[in-house]
Structure formats: C-alpha cells, structure tokens
Amino acid sequence: MDKYDEKCKKLSKLLDEYTKEDVLLAFSGGVDSSLLLWLLCDHAREHGTKVYAVTLHTTLHPAADLDVTREAAKAAGALHKIIYVDEMKKAGIEENPEDRCYRCKKYMFTRIMEEAKTVGTHIVLEGTNLEDTHEYRPGIRALKELGIKSPLAVCSFSKEEIRRYAREKQIPTADRPSAPCLATRFPYGTRLSYEAMHQVDEIENGIREMGFYNVRARIHGNLVRLEVDENDILKLFSKKEEVLHLVKEQGYLYATIDMEGFRSGSQDILIK
C-alpha cells in the first residue's frame, strides 16, 4: 500500500468515526470541502446519521454560484443551509490587518458553531489541507481555538492528492480552481472596500473567461499585478489589449504581468 492509499484509508476511518453521530461541515463548494462532503455522506448513510452542510455567503469571497453548492449538497445527500454574513464589518478587518485571516475565521466559525448548536451537533469540520499549514495561515489558529476539525490536514492530504481522490469519486468540482478571500489581493494595511473587491473579482473573472485557470489580480495602488500559471504567461501577454481594456475598465491605470507566475500568498512575503 503506497502513502496515498494509506492516507485514504486513514481518512475513511476518521470520517467513519465522526459520522457515528450527526456532523456539520463548512461547505464552500471548492474541491476540499466537496470531497469531505461526499465522503461524510457515504459514511453517514451507513450509520443512519445526518450531515449538515453550511455555506457562508460572504462579502470577501469571489462571487460564488450558490446554485452549485445547493445542487452539490443535494447530490451528496446533505442537509444544506446558506448563511449570509458581512465579515468585513463584523470581524473588524476593514483596514486589512496582518491577522485579518484569524479575525475573519474566528467570526465566521463562531457563527457556524452557533448553527451546529441549533441543529444539535458538536462535531464541526472544514477543509484545510496539509499545504495550508505550511503557509501563512493565521486563521488556522482560530479553528484550533474553536475546536473545528480539519481531517484532510490531519491525514496529510496535499491539494493534488485531494484532487486525485475527488476525480476517483467523480466529484464535479475536482478540477475547480481555488478561490480564496478577495482581501488577499491587497497589501496589508490597505483599507478594504466592497467596490475594490468587486473590481478585482471582475478582472479575474474576465481573464478566466479568456481561457486561463489560476488567476490573481494583486492590487498595488493604481497598478494591477497579474498572476497566471507560469506556462500561461506568454499567452496572457498575447492578449494584452483585451487585458488592458479589462483592467482600465475597472478604474486602474496600469497592468503588469508577474514573471514568477501564480503562487499562493504572494502578498505575504514581507510577513515574518
């Protein structure tokens, strides 16, 4: 048995134990939480228990298709609920502080814990993976403080292993690109606004529609630093007229292509 198979077996055993009673999953519709949702529902059917999937409709994340999360939860067999939150105001992160992720996670998962109490379960899970624990992720501290369970991280699943498992389970979101909080596009200490985040979302969506997979529009004043996968950099440059029009249409004066390509957390390089 190779390491991947061992991880799958360990995860199955862990989720089987959790679903001996009702559980609640923070469900974003991304590949990490989707894999957990399908596996949890499989085990819950064996035990005759319930899986609650809670989707937070937030102000800081890219515009998500809520119908996708509804359909996914229904297909998996979960009981789905959407909760509308305004974490920018409620979590005290309007100035984009360095501990933004901690404050935000603490606020949002406190809200999820309240929902768990309402439905009568104390087991709350979410989709942090192994790679998240190796990057600047202060929100993980909030999860630990609240007792949220992160089975993919516990079982040492990398992002690619999660995608592999999701493909094997034929989960529709297996190859869906990651869509982290839009505040990550701005330097720390920059005052956040709904308008600016909407502009970033529009730029990224527009570039994806041109045929790109990973896209980040990092904001530096009037300049937009664009990240795409390294093997797509020349392709992006070949579409410079379309890209410039898209960027300037959203009110920015300059656009540049990051020669290092897409990389998660590139705004965090000055964090010690």
C-alpha atoms as a PDB file:
ATOM      1  CA  MET A   1       0.000   0.000   0.000  1.00  0.00           C
ATOM      2  CA  ASP A   2       1.520   3.379  -1.032  1.00  0.00           C
ATOM      3  CA  LYS A   3       1.310   6.586   1.006  1.00  0.00           C
ATOM      4  CA  TYR A   4      -1.692   7.901  -0.907  1.00  0.00           C
ATOM      5  CA  ASP A   5      -3.670   4.719  -0.239  1.00  0.00           C
ATOM      6  CA  GLU A   6      -2.678   4.862   3.424  1.00  0.00           C
ATOM      7  CA  LYS A   7      -3.959   8.431   3.645  1.00  0.00           C
ATOM      8  CA  CYS A   8      -7.264   7.466   2.017  1.00  0.00           C
ATOM      9  CA  LYS A   9      -7.690   4.589   4.438  1.00  0.00           C
ATOM     10  CA  LYS A  10      -6.866   6.806   7.440  1.00  0.00           C
ATOM     11  CA  LEU A  11      -9.317   9.479   6.272  1.00  0.00           C
ATOM     12  CA  SER A  12     -12.071   6.919   5.746  1.00  0.00           C
ATOM     13  CA  LYS A  13     -11.578   5.536   9.245  1.00  0.00           C
ATOM     14  CA  LEU A  14     -11.602   9.025  10.772  1.00  0.00           C
ATOM     15  CA  LEU A  15     -14.768  10.128   8.951  1.00  0.00           C
ATOM     16  CA  ASP A  16     -16.465   6.851   9.771  1.00  0.00           C
ATOM     17  CA  GLU A  17     -15.864   7.565  13.456  1.00  0.00           C
ATOM     18  CA  TYR A  18     -17.189  11.144  13.194  1.00  0.00           C
ATOM     19  CA  THR A  19     -20.386  10.096  11.407  1.00  0.00           C
ATOM     20  CA  LYS A  20     -21.482   7.730  14.128  1.00  0.00           C
ATOM     21  CA  GLU A  21     -23.368  10.862  15.161  1.00  0.00           C
ATOM     22  CA  ASP A  22     -24.624  13.902  13.237  1.00  0.00           C
ATOM     23  CA  VAL A  23     -21.916  16.211  11.878  1.00  0.00           C
ATOM     24  CA  LEU A  24     -21.727  19.688  10.330  1.00  0.00           C
ATOM     25  CA  LEU A  25     -19.362  20.677   7.524  1.00  0.00           C
ATOM     26  CA  ALA A  26     -18.374  24.206   6.494  1.00  0.00           C
ATOM     27  CA  PHE A  27     -19.090  23.824   2.781  1.00  0.00           C
ATOM     28  CA  SER A  28     -17.674  26.315   0.267  1.00  0.00           C
ATOM     29  CA  GLY A  29     -18.237  24.226  -2.844  1.00  0.00           C
ATOM     30  CA  GLY A  30     -14.487  24.004  -3.512  1.00  0.00           C
ATOM     31  CA  VAL A  31     -12.720  20.700  -4.072  1.00  0.00           C
ATOM     32  CA  ASP A  32     -11.543  20.289  -0.447  1.00  0.00           C
ATOM     33  CA  SER A  33     -14.930  20.654   1.205  1.00  0.00           C
ATOM     34  CA  SER A  34     -16.666  18.851  -1.668  1.00  0.00           C
ATOM     35  CA  LEU A  35     -14.530  15.754  -1.177  1.00  0.00           C
ATOM     36  CA  LEU A  36     -15.268  15.794   2.549  1.00  0.00           C
ATOM     37  CA  LEU A  37     -18.985  16.257   1.903  1.00  0.00           C
ATOM     38  CA  TRP A  38     -19.224  13.230  -0.395  1.00  0.00           C
ATOM     39  CA  LEU A  39     -17.204  11.016   1.937  1.00  0.00           C
ATOM     40  CA  LEU A  40     -19.087  12.132   5.044  1.00  0.00           C
ATOM     41  CA  CYS A  41     -22.432  11.454   3.387  1.00  0.00           C
ATOM     42  CA  ASP A  42     -21.275   7.994   2.284  1.00  0.00           C
ATOM     43  CA  HIS A  43     -20.353   7.089   5.865  1.00  0.00           C
ATOM     44  CA  ALA A  44     -23.418   8.765   7.376  1.00  0.00           C
ATOM     45  CA  ARG A  45     -25.712   6.610   5.236  1.00  0.00           C
ATOM     46  CA  GLU A  46     -24.114   3.525   6.761  1.00  0.00           C
ATOM     47  CA  HIS A  47     -24.774   4.818  10.281  1.00  0.00           C
ATOM     48  CA  GLY A  48     -28.175   6.414   9.645  1.00  0.00           C
ATOM     49  CA  THR A  49     -26.892   9.839  10.754  1.00  0.00           C
ATOM     50  CA  LYS A  50     -27.136  13.328   9.227  1.00  0.00           C
ATOM     51  CA  VAL A  51     -24.585  15.567   7.526  1.00  0.00           C
ATOM     52  CA  TYR A  52     -25.312  19.297   7.652  1.00  0.00           C
ATOM     53  CA  ALA A  53     -23.544  21.401   5.014  1.00  0.00           C
ATOM     54  CA  VAL A  54     -23.340  25.109   5.874  1.00  0.00           C
ATOM     55  CA  THR A  55     -22.314  27.588   3.192  1.00  0.00           C
ATOM     56  CA  LEU A  56     -21.346  31.086   4.263  1.00  0.00           C
ATOM     57  CA  HIS A  57     -22.265  33.662   1.640  1.00  0.00           C
ATOM     58  CA  THR A  58     -19.664  36.319   2.415  1.00  0.00           C
ATOM     59  CA  THR A  59     -18.573  39.773   1.291  1.00  0.00           C
ATOM     60  CA  LEU A  60     -14.878  38.925   0.902  1.00  0.00           C
ATOM     61  CA  HIS A  61     -15.014  35.899  -1.384  1.00  0.00           C
ATOM     62  CA  PRO A  62     -15.402  35.773  -5.159  1.00  0.00           C
ATOM     63  CA  ALA A  63     -18.991  35.738  -6.318  1.00  0.00           C
ATOM     64  CA  ALA A  64     -19.957  32.101  -5.932  1.00  0.00           C
ATOM     65  CA  ASP A  65     -22.761  30.319  -7.673  1.00  0.00           C
ATOM     66  CA  LEU A  66     -24.953  29.389  -4.739  1.00  0.00           C
ATOM     67  CA  ASP A  67     -26.957  27.101  -7.003  1.00  0.00           C
ATOM     68  CA  VAL A  68     -23.791  24.998  -7.443  1.00  0.00           C
ATOM     69  CA  THR A  69     -23.445  24.488  -3.679  1.00  0.00           C
ATOM     70  CA  ARG A  70     -27.157  23.727  -3.376  1.00  0.00           C
ATOM     71  CA  GLU A  71     -27.034  21.122  -6.126  1.00  0.00           C
ATOM     72  CA  ALA A  72     -23.799  19.600  -4.807  1.00  0.00           C
ATOM     73  CA  ALA A  73     -25.162  19.263  -1.282  1.00  0.00           C
ATOM     74  CA  LYS A  74     -28.386  17.720  -2.605  1.00  0.00           C
ATOM     75  CA  ALA A  75     -26.474  15.271  -4.824  1.00  0.00           C
ATOM     76  CA  ALA A  76     -24.272  14.205  -1.910  1.00  0.00           C
ATOM     77  CA  GLY A  77     -27.259  13.755   0.398  1.00  0.00           C
ATOM     78  CA  ALA A  78     -26.507  16.538   2.885  1.00  0.00           C
ATOM     79  CA  LEU A  79     -28.870  18.963   4.586  1.00  0.00           C
ATOM     80  CA  HIS A  80     -27.804  22.342   3.210  1.00  0.00           C
ATOM     81  CA  LYS A  81     -28.113  25.828   4.681  1.00  0.00           C
ATOM     82  CA  ILE A  82     -26.783  29.166   3.416  1.00  0.00           C
ATOM     83  CA  ILE A  83     -25.913  31.822   5.981  1.00  0.00           C
ATOM     84  CA  TYR A  84     -25.355  35.414   4.866  1.00  0.00           C
ATOM     85  CA  VAL A  85     -22.555  37.205   6.717  1.00  0.00           C
ATOM     86  CA  ASP A  86     -20.719  40.543   6.457  1.00  0.00           C
ATOM     87  CA  GLU A  87     -17.359  39.674   7.955  1.00  0.00           C
ATOM     88  CA  MET A  88     -15.621  42.858   6.835  1.00  0.00           C
ATOM     89  CA  LYS A  89     -17.593  44.930   9.322  1.00  0.00           C
ATOM     90  CA  LYS A  90     -18.358  42.300  11.957  1.00  0.00           C
ATOM     91  CA  ALA A  91     -14.811  40.885  12.229  1.00  0.00           C
ATOM     92  CA  GLY A  92     -13.019  44.249  12.406  1.00  0.00           C
ATOM     93  CA  ILE A  93     -10.893  43.782   9.276  1.00  0.00           C
ATOM     94  CA  GLU A  94     -11.681  46.899   7.238  1.00  0.00           C
ATOM     95  CA  GLU A  95      -8.048  48.066   7.467  1.00  0.00           C
ATOM     96  CA  ASN A  96      -6.780  44.659   6.268  1.00  0.00           C
ATOM     97  CA  PRO A  97      -4.611  43.903   9.344  1.00  0.00           C
ATOM     98  CA  GLU A  98      -1.933  41.206   9.259  1.00  0.00           C
ATOM     99  CA  ASP A  99      -4.112  38.992  11.460  1.00  0.00           C
ATOM    100  CA  ARG A 100      -7.109  39.501   9.149  1.00  0.00           C
ATOM    101  CA  CYS A 101      -7.440  35.789   8.461  1.00  0.00           C
ATOM    102  CA  TYR A 102      -7.510  34.997  12.198  1.00  0.00           C
ATOM    103  CA  ARG A 103     -10.199  37.591  12.942  1.00  0.00           C
ATOM    104  CA  CYS A 104     -12.273  36.536   9.958  1.00  0.00           C
ATOM    105  CA  LYS A 105     -12.122  32.803  10.688  1.00  0.00           C
ATOM    106  CA  LYS A 106     -12.895  33.412  14.349  1.00  0.00           C
ATOM    107  CA  TYR A 107     -16.003  35.404  13.454  1.00  0.00           C
ATOM    108  CA  MET A 108     -17.266  33.086  10.719  1.00  0.00           C
ATOM    109  CA  PHE A 109     -16.678  29.810  12.519  1.00  0.00           C
ATOM    110  CA  THR A 110     -18.216  31.188  15.704  1.00  0.00           C
ATOM    111  CA  ARG A 111     -21.293  31.750  13.544  1.00  0.00           C
ATOM    112  CA  ILE A 112     -21.024  28.181  12.212  1.00  0.00           C
ATOM    113  CA  MET A 113     -20.686  26.834  15.764  1.00  0.00           C
ATOM    114  CA  GLU A 114     -23.934  28.604  16.632  1.00  0.00           C
ATOM    115  CA  GLU A 115     -25.612  26.805  13.754  1.00  0.00           C
ATOM    116  CA  ALA A 116     -24.144  23.489  14.931  1.00  0.00           C
ATOM    117  CA  LYS A 117     -25.658  24.085  18.349  1.00  0.00           C
ATOM    118  CA  THR A 118     -29.007  24.829  16.711  1.00  0.00           C
ATOM    119  CA  VAL A 119     -29.070  21.504  14.834  1.00  0.00           C
ATOM    120  CA  GLY A 120     -27.752  19.584  17.832  1.00  0.00           C
ATOM    121  CA  THR A 121     -24.230  18.540  16.863  1.00  0.00           C
ATOM    122  CA  HIS A 122     -20.860  19.337  18.395  1.00  0.00           C
ATOM    123  CA  ILE A 123     -18.763  17.914  15.536  1.00  0.00           C
ATOM    124  CA  VAL A 124     -17.827  20.662  13.050  1.00  0.00           C
ATOM    125  CA  LEU A 125     -15.422  20.027  10.175  1.00  0.00           C
ATOM    126  CA  GLU A 126     -13.735  22.082   7.467  1.00  0.00           C
ATOM    127  CA  GLY A 127     -11.389  21.548   4.524  1.00  0.00           C
ATOM    128  CA  THR A 128      -7.918  22.838   5.453  1.00  0.00           C
ATOM    129  CA  ASN A 129      -5.267  20.684   3.758  1.00  0.00           C
ATOM    130  CA  LEU A 130      -1.616  19.948   4.527  1.00  0.00           C
ATOM    131  CA  GLU A 131      -0.226  22.691   2.273  1.00  0.00           C
ATOM    132  CA  ASP A 132      -2.326  25.321   4.064  1.00  0.00           C
ATOM    133  CA  THR A 133      -0.494  24.509   7.302  1.00  0.00           C
ATOM    134  CA  HIS A 134       2.868  25.300   5.664  1.00  0.00           C
ATOM    135  CA  GLU A 135       1.884  28.802   4.550  1.00  0.00           C
ATOM    136  CA  TYR A 136       0.970  31.985   6.428  1.00  0.00           C
ATOM    137  CA  ARG A 137      -2.498  30.993   7.611  1.00  0.00           C
ATOM    138  CA  PRO A 138      -3.314  32.710  10.945  1.00  0.00           C
ATOM    139  CA  GLY A 139      -6.901  31.551  10.530  1.00  0.00           C
ATOM    140  CA  ILE A 140      -5.827  28.030  11.412  1.00  0.00           C
ATOM    141  CA  ARG A 141      -5.207  29.240  14.968  1.00  0.00           C
ATOM    142  CA  ALA A 142      -8.853  30.330  15.186  1.00  0.00           C
ATOM    143  CA  LEU A 143     -10.004  26.900  14.004  1.00  0.00           C
ATOM    144  CA  LYS A 144      -7.946  25.216  16.712  1.00  0.00           C
ATOM    145  CA  GLU A 145      -9.246  27.578  19.387  1.00  0.00           C
ATOM    146  CA  LEU A 146     -12.831  26.752  18.437  1.00  0.00           C
ATOM    147  CA  GLY A 147     -12.229  23.007  18.204  1.00  0.00           C
ATOM    148  CA  ILE A 148     -13.005  22.772  14.481  1.00  0.00           C
ATOM    149  CA  LYS A 149     -11.814  19.520  12.929  1.00  0.00           C
ATOM    150  CA  SER A 150      -9.655  19.514   9.773  1.00  0.00           C
ATOM    151  CA  PRO A 151      -9.475  15.849   8.704  1.00  0.00           C
ATOM    152  CA  LEU A 152      -7.658  16.481   5.397  1.00  0.00           C
ATOM    153  CA  ALA A 153      -4.809  18.193   7.237  1.00  0.00           C
ATOM    154  CA  VAL A 154      -4.793  15.542   9.968  1.00  0.00           C
ATOM    155  CA  CYS A 155      -4.391  12.859   7.283  1.00  0.00           C
ATOM    156  CA  SER A 156      -1.676  14.904   5.493  1.00  0.00           C
ATOM    157  CA  PHE A 157      -3.530  15.318   2.190  1.00  0.00           C
ATOM    158  CA  SER A 158      -1.891  17.665  -0.318  1.00  0.00           C
ATOM    159  CA  LYS A 159      -4.009  19.663  -2.753  1.00  0.00           C
ATOM    160  CA  GLU A 160      -3.121  17.387  -5.659  1.00  0.00           C
ATOM    161  CA  GLU A 161      -3.983  14.280  -3.635  1.00  0.00           C
ATOM    162  CA  ILE A 162      -7.352  15.815  -2.802  1.00  0.00           C
ATOM    163  CA  ARG A 163      -7.993  16.484  -6.492  1.00  0.00           C
ATOM    164  CA  ARG A 164      -6.941  12.925  -7.320  1.00  0.00           C
ATOM    165  CA  TYR A 165      -9.324  11.467  -4.739  1.00  0.00           C
ATOM    166  CA  ALA A 166     -12.130  13.766  -5.930  1.00  0.00           C
ATOM    167  CA  ARG A 167     -11.599  12.615  -9.529  1.00  0.00           C
ATOM    168  CA  GLU A 168     -11.745   8.994  -8.394  1.00  0.00           C
ATOM    169  CA  LYS A 169     -15.048   9.764  -6.669  1.00  0.00           C
ATOM    170  CA  GLN A 170     -16.216  11.592  -9.811  1.00  0.00           C
ATOM    171  CA  ILE A 171     -16.949  14.770  -7.876  1.00  0.00           C
ATOM    172  CA  PRO A 172     -17.822  17.610 -10.301  1.00  0.00           C
ATOM    173  CA  THR A 173     -15.579  20.188  -8.578  1.00  0.00           C
ATOM    174  CA  ALA A 174     -12.430  18.019  -8.710  1.00  0.00           C
ATOM    175  CA  ASP A 175     -10.636  20.447 -11.029  1.00  0.00           C
ATOM    176  CA  ARG A 176     -12.213  23.677  -9.861  1.00  0.00           C
ATOM    177  CA  PRO A 177      -9.510  26.323  -9.198  1.00  0.00           C
ATOM    178  CA  SER A 178      -9.101  27.634  -5.655  1.00  0.00           C
ATOM    179  CA  ALA A 179     -10.955  30.858  -4.878  1.00  0.00           C
ATOM    180  CA  PRO A 180      -9.519  32.430  -1.713  1.00  0.00           C
ATOM    181  CA  CYS A 181     -10.686  35.574   0.043  1.00  0.00           C
ATOM    182  CA  LEU A 182     -10.507  38.690  -2.154  1.00  0.00           C
ATOM    183  CA  ALA A 183      -8.771  40.621   0.635  1.00  0.00           C
ATOM    184  CA  THR A 184      -5.644  38.582  -0.199  1.00  0.00           C
ATOM    185  CA  ARG A 185      -5.310  40.693  -3.372  1.00  0.00           C
ATOM    186  CA  PHE A 186      -4.486  43.814  -1.355  1.00  0.00           C
ATOM    187  CA  PRO A 187      -1.386  44.683   0.717  1.00  0.00           C
ATOM    188  CA  TYR A 188      -1.835  44.553   4.481  1.00  0.00           C
ATOM    189  CA  GLY A 189      -2.804  47.932   5.900  1.00  0.00           C
ATOM    190  CA  THR A 190      -4.852  48.824   2.811  1.00  0.00           C
ATOM    191  CA  ARG A 191      -8.388  49.907   3.608  1.00  0.00           C
ATOM    192  CA  LEU A 192     -10.752  47.385   2.065  1.00  0.00           C
ATOM    193  CA  SER A 193     -13.919  48.307   0.227  1.00  0.00           C
ATOM    194  CA  TYR A 194     -16.699  46.354  -1.435  1.00  0.00           C
ATOM    195  CA  GLU A 195     -16.157  48.338  -4.635  1.00  0.00           C
ATOM    196  CA  ALA A 196     -12.449  47.488  -4.882  1.00  0.00           C
ATOM    197  CA  MET A 197     -13.079  43.786  -4.229  1.00  0.00           C
ATOM    198  CA  HIS A 198     -15.824  43.750  -6.841  1.00  0.00           C
ATOM    199  CA  GLN A 199     -13.387  45.305  -9.335  1.00  0.00           C
ATOM    200  CA  VAL A 200     -10.804  42.610  -8.602  1.00  0.00           C
ATOM    201  CA  ASP A 201     -13.433  39.904  -9.000  1.00  0.00           C
ATOM    202  CA  GLU A 202     -14.468  41.345 -12.362  1.00  0.00           C
ATOM    203  CA  ILE A 203     -10.857  41.437 -13.603  1.00  0.00           C
ATOM    204  CA  GLU A 204     -10.144  37.860 -12.542  1.00  0.00           C
ATOM    205  CA  ASN A 205     -13.397  36.525 -13.979  1.00  0.00           C
ATOM    206  CA  GLY A 206     -12.736  38.333 -17.243  1.00  0.00           C
ATOM    207  CA  ILE A 207      -9.262  36.811 -17.577  1.00  0.00           C
ATOM    208  CA  ARG A 208     -10.542  33.328 -16.718  1.00  0.00           C
ATOM    209  CA  GLU A 209     -13.085  33.680 -19.496  1.00  0.00           C
ATOM    210  CA  MET A 210     -10.121  34.179 -21.871  1.00  0.00           C
ATOM    211  CA  GLY A 211      -9.065  30.606 -21.106  1.00  0.00           C
ATOM    212  CA  PHE A 212      -6.854  30.844 -18.006  1.00  0.00           C
ATOM    213  CA  TYR A 213      -7.014  28.548 -14.963  1.00  0.00           C
ATOM    214  CA  ASN A 214      -5.337  30.156 -11.932  1.00  0.00           C
ATOM    215  CA  VAL A 215      -5.708  33.941 -11.981  1.00  0.00           C
ATOM    216  CA  ARG A 216      -4.879  36.541  -9.344  1.00  0.00           C
ATOM    217  CA  ALA A 217      -5.135  40.311  -9.687  1.00  0.00           C
ATOM    218  CA  ARG A 218      -2.931  41.749  -6.936  1.00  0.00           C
ATOM    219  CA  ILE A 219      -3.529  45.434  -6.298  1.00  0.00           C
ATOM    220  CA  HIS A 220      -0.760  47.987  -5.623  1.00  0.00           C
ATOM    221  CA  GLY A 221      -2.344  51.433  -5.699  1.00  0.00           C
ATOM    222  CA  ASN A 222      -3.252  52.172  -9.318  1.00  0.00           C
ATOM    223  CA  LEU A 223      -1.311  49.137 -10.580  1.00  0.00           C
ATOM    224  CA  VAL A 224      -2.671  45.610 -11.034  1.00  0.00           C
ATOM    225  CA  ARG A 225      -0.062  42.830 -10.822  1.00  0.00           C
ATOM    226  CA  LEU A 226      -1.456  39.844 -12.692  1.00  0.00           C
ATOM    227  CA  GLU A 227      -0.522  36.283 -11.816  1.00  0.00           C
ATOM    228  CA  VAL A 228      -1.348  33.310 -14.034  1.00  0.00           C
ATOM    229  CA  ASP A 229       0.217  29.859 -14.204  1.00  0.00           C
ATOM    230  CA  GLU A 230       3.814  30.127 -15.379  1.00  0.00           C
ATOM    231  CA  ASN A 231       3.166  28.276 -18.624  1.00  0.00           C
ATOM    232  CA  ASP A 232       0.368  30.771 -19.423  1.00  0.00           C
ATOM    233  CA  ILE A 233       2.423  33.972 -19.075  1.00  0.00           C
ATOM    234  CA  LEU A 234       3.153  34.338 -22.816  1.00  0.00           C
ATOM    235  CA  LYS A 235      -0.475  33.561 -23.595  1.00  0.00           C
ATOM    236  CA  LEU A 236      -1.566  36.352 -21.236  1.00  0.00           C
ATOM    237  CA  PHE A 237       0.852  38.781 -22.889  1.00  0.00           C
ATOM    238  CA  SER A 238      -0.549  37.846 -26.300  1.00  0.00           C
ATOM    239  CA  LYS A 239      -3.932  39.089 -25.060  1.00  0.00           C
ATOM    240  CA  LYS A 240      -2.542  42.345 -23.677  1.00  0.00           C
ATOM    241  CA  GLU A 241      -5.051  44.614 -25.452  1.00  0.00           C
ATOM    242  CA  GLU A 242      -8.009  42.723 -24.024  1.00  0.00           C
ATOM    243  CA  VAL A 243      -6.393  42.562 -20.584  1.00  0.00           C
ATOM    244  CA  LEU A 244      -5.545  46.283 -20.534  1.00  0.00           C
ATOM    245  CA  HIS A 245      -9.080  47.158 -21.534  1.00  0.00           C
ATOM    246  CA  LEU A 246     -10.437  44.943 -18.760  1.00  0.00           C
ATOM    247  CA  VAL A 247      -8.121  46.447 -16.127  1.00  0.00           C
ATOM    248  CA  LYS A 248      -8.711  50.079 -17.143  1.00  0.00           C
ATOM    249  CA  GLU A 249     -12.443  49.494 -17.367  1.00  0.00           C
ATOM    250  CA  GLN A 250     -12.317  48.776 -13.624  1.00  0.00           C
ATOM    251  CA  GLY A 251     -10.553  52.087 -12.937  1.00  0.00           C
ATOM    252  CA  TYR A 252      -6.882  51.069 -12.697  1.00  0.00           C
ATOM    253  CA  LEU A 253      -4.162  52.912 -14.623  1.00  0.00           C
ATOM    254  CA  TYR A 254      -1.503  50.230 -15.033  1.00  0.00           C
ATOM    255  CA  ALA A 255      -1.273  46.469 -15.516  1.00  0.00           C
ATOM    256  CA  THR A 256       1.810  44.289 -15.207  1.00  0.00           C
ATOM    257  CA  ILE A 257       2.401  40.557 -15.513  1.00  0.00           C
ATOM    258  CA  ASP A 258       4.247  38.902 -12.626  1.00  0.00           C
ATOM    259  CA  MET A 259       7.142  36.973 -14.178  1.00  0.00           C
ATOM    260  CA  GLU A 260       7.146  34.439 -11.335  1.00  0.00           C
ATOM    261  CA  GLY A 261       3.630  33.390 -12.271  1.00  0.00           C
ATOM    262  CA  PHE A 262       0.810  32.327  -9.994  1.00  0.00           C
ATOM    263  CA  ARG A 263       1.720  31.499  -6.411  1.00  0.00           C
ATOM    264  CA  SER A 264      -0.474  31.362  -3.361  1.00  0.00           C
ATOM    265  CA  GLY A 265       0.152  34.022  -0.717  1.00  0.00           C
ATOM    266  CA  SER A 266       2.425  36.305  -2.725  1.00  0.00           C
ATOM    267  CA  GLN A 267       1.191  39.289  -0.695  1.00  0.00           C
ATOM    268  CA  ASP A 268       2.563  37.603   2.436  1.00  0.00           C
ATOM    269  CA  ILE A 269       6.283  37.673   1.545  1.00  0.00           C
ATOM    270  CA  LEU A 270       7.034  40.511   3.978  1.00  0.00           C
ATOM    271  CA  ILE A 271       5.280  38.766   6.887  1.00  0.00           C
ATOM    272  CA  LYS A 272       7.752  37.480   9.469  1.00  0.00           C
END
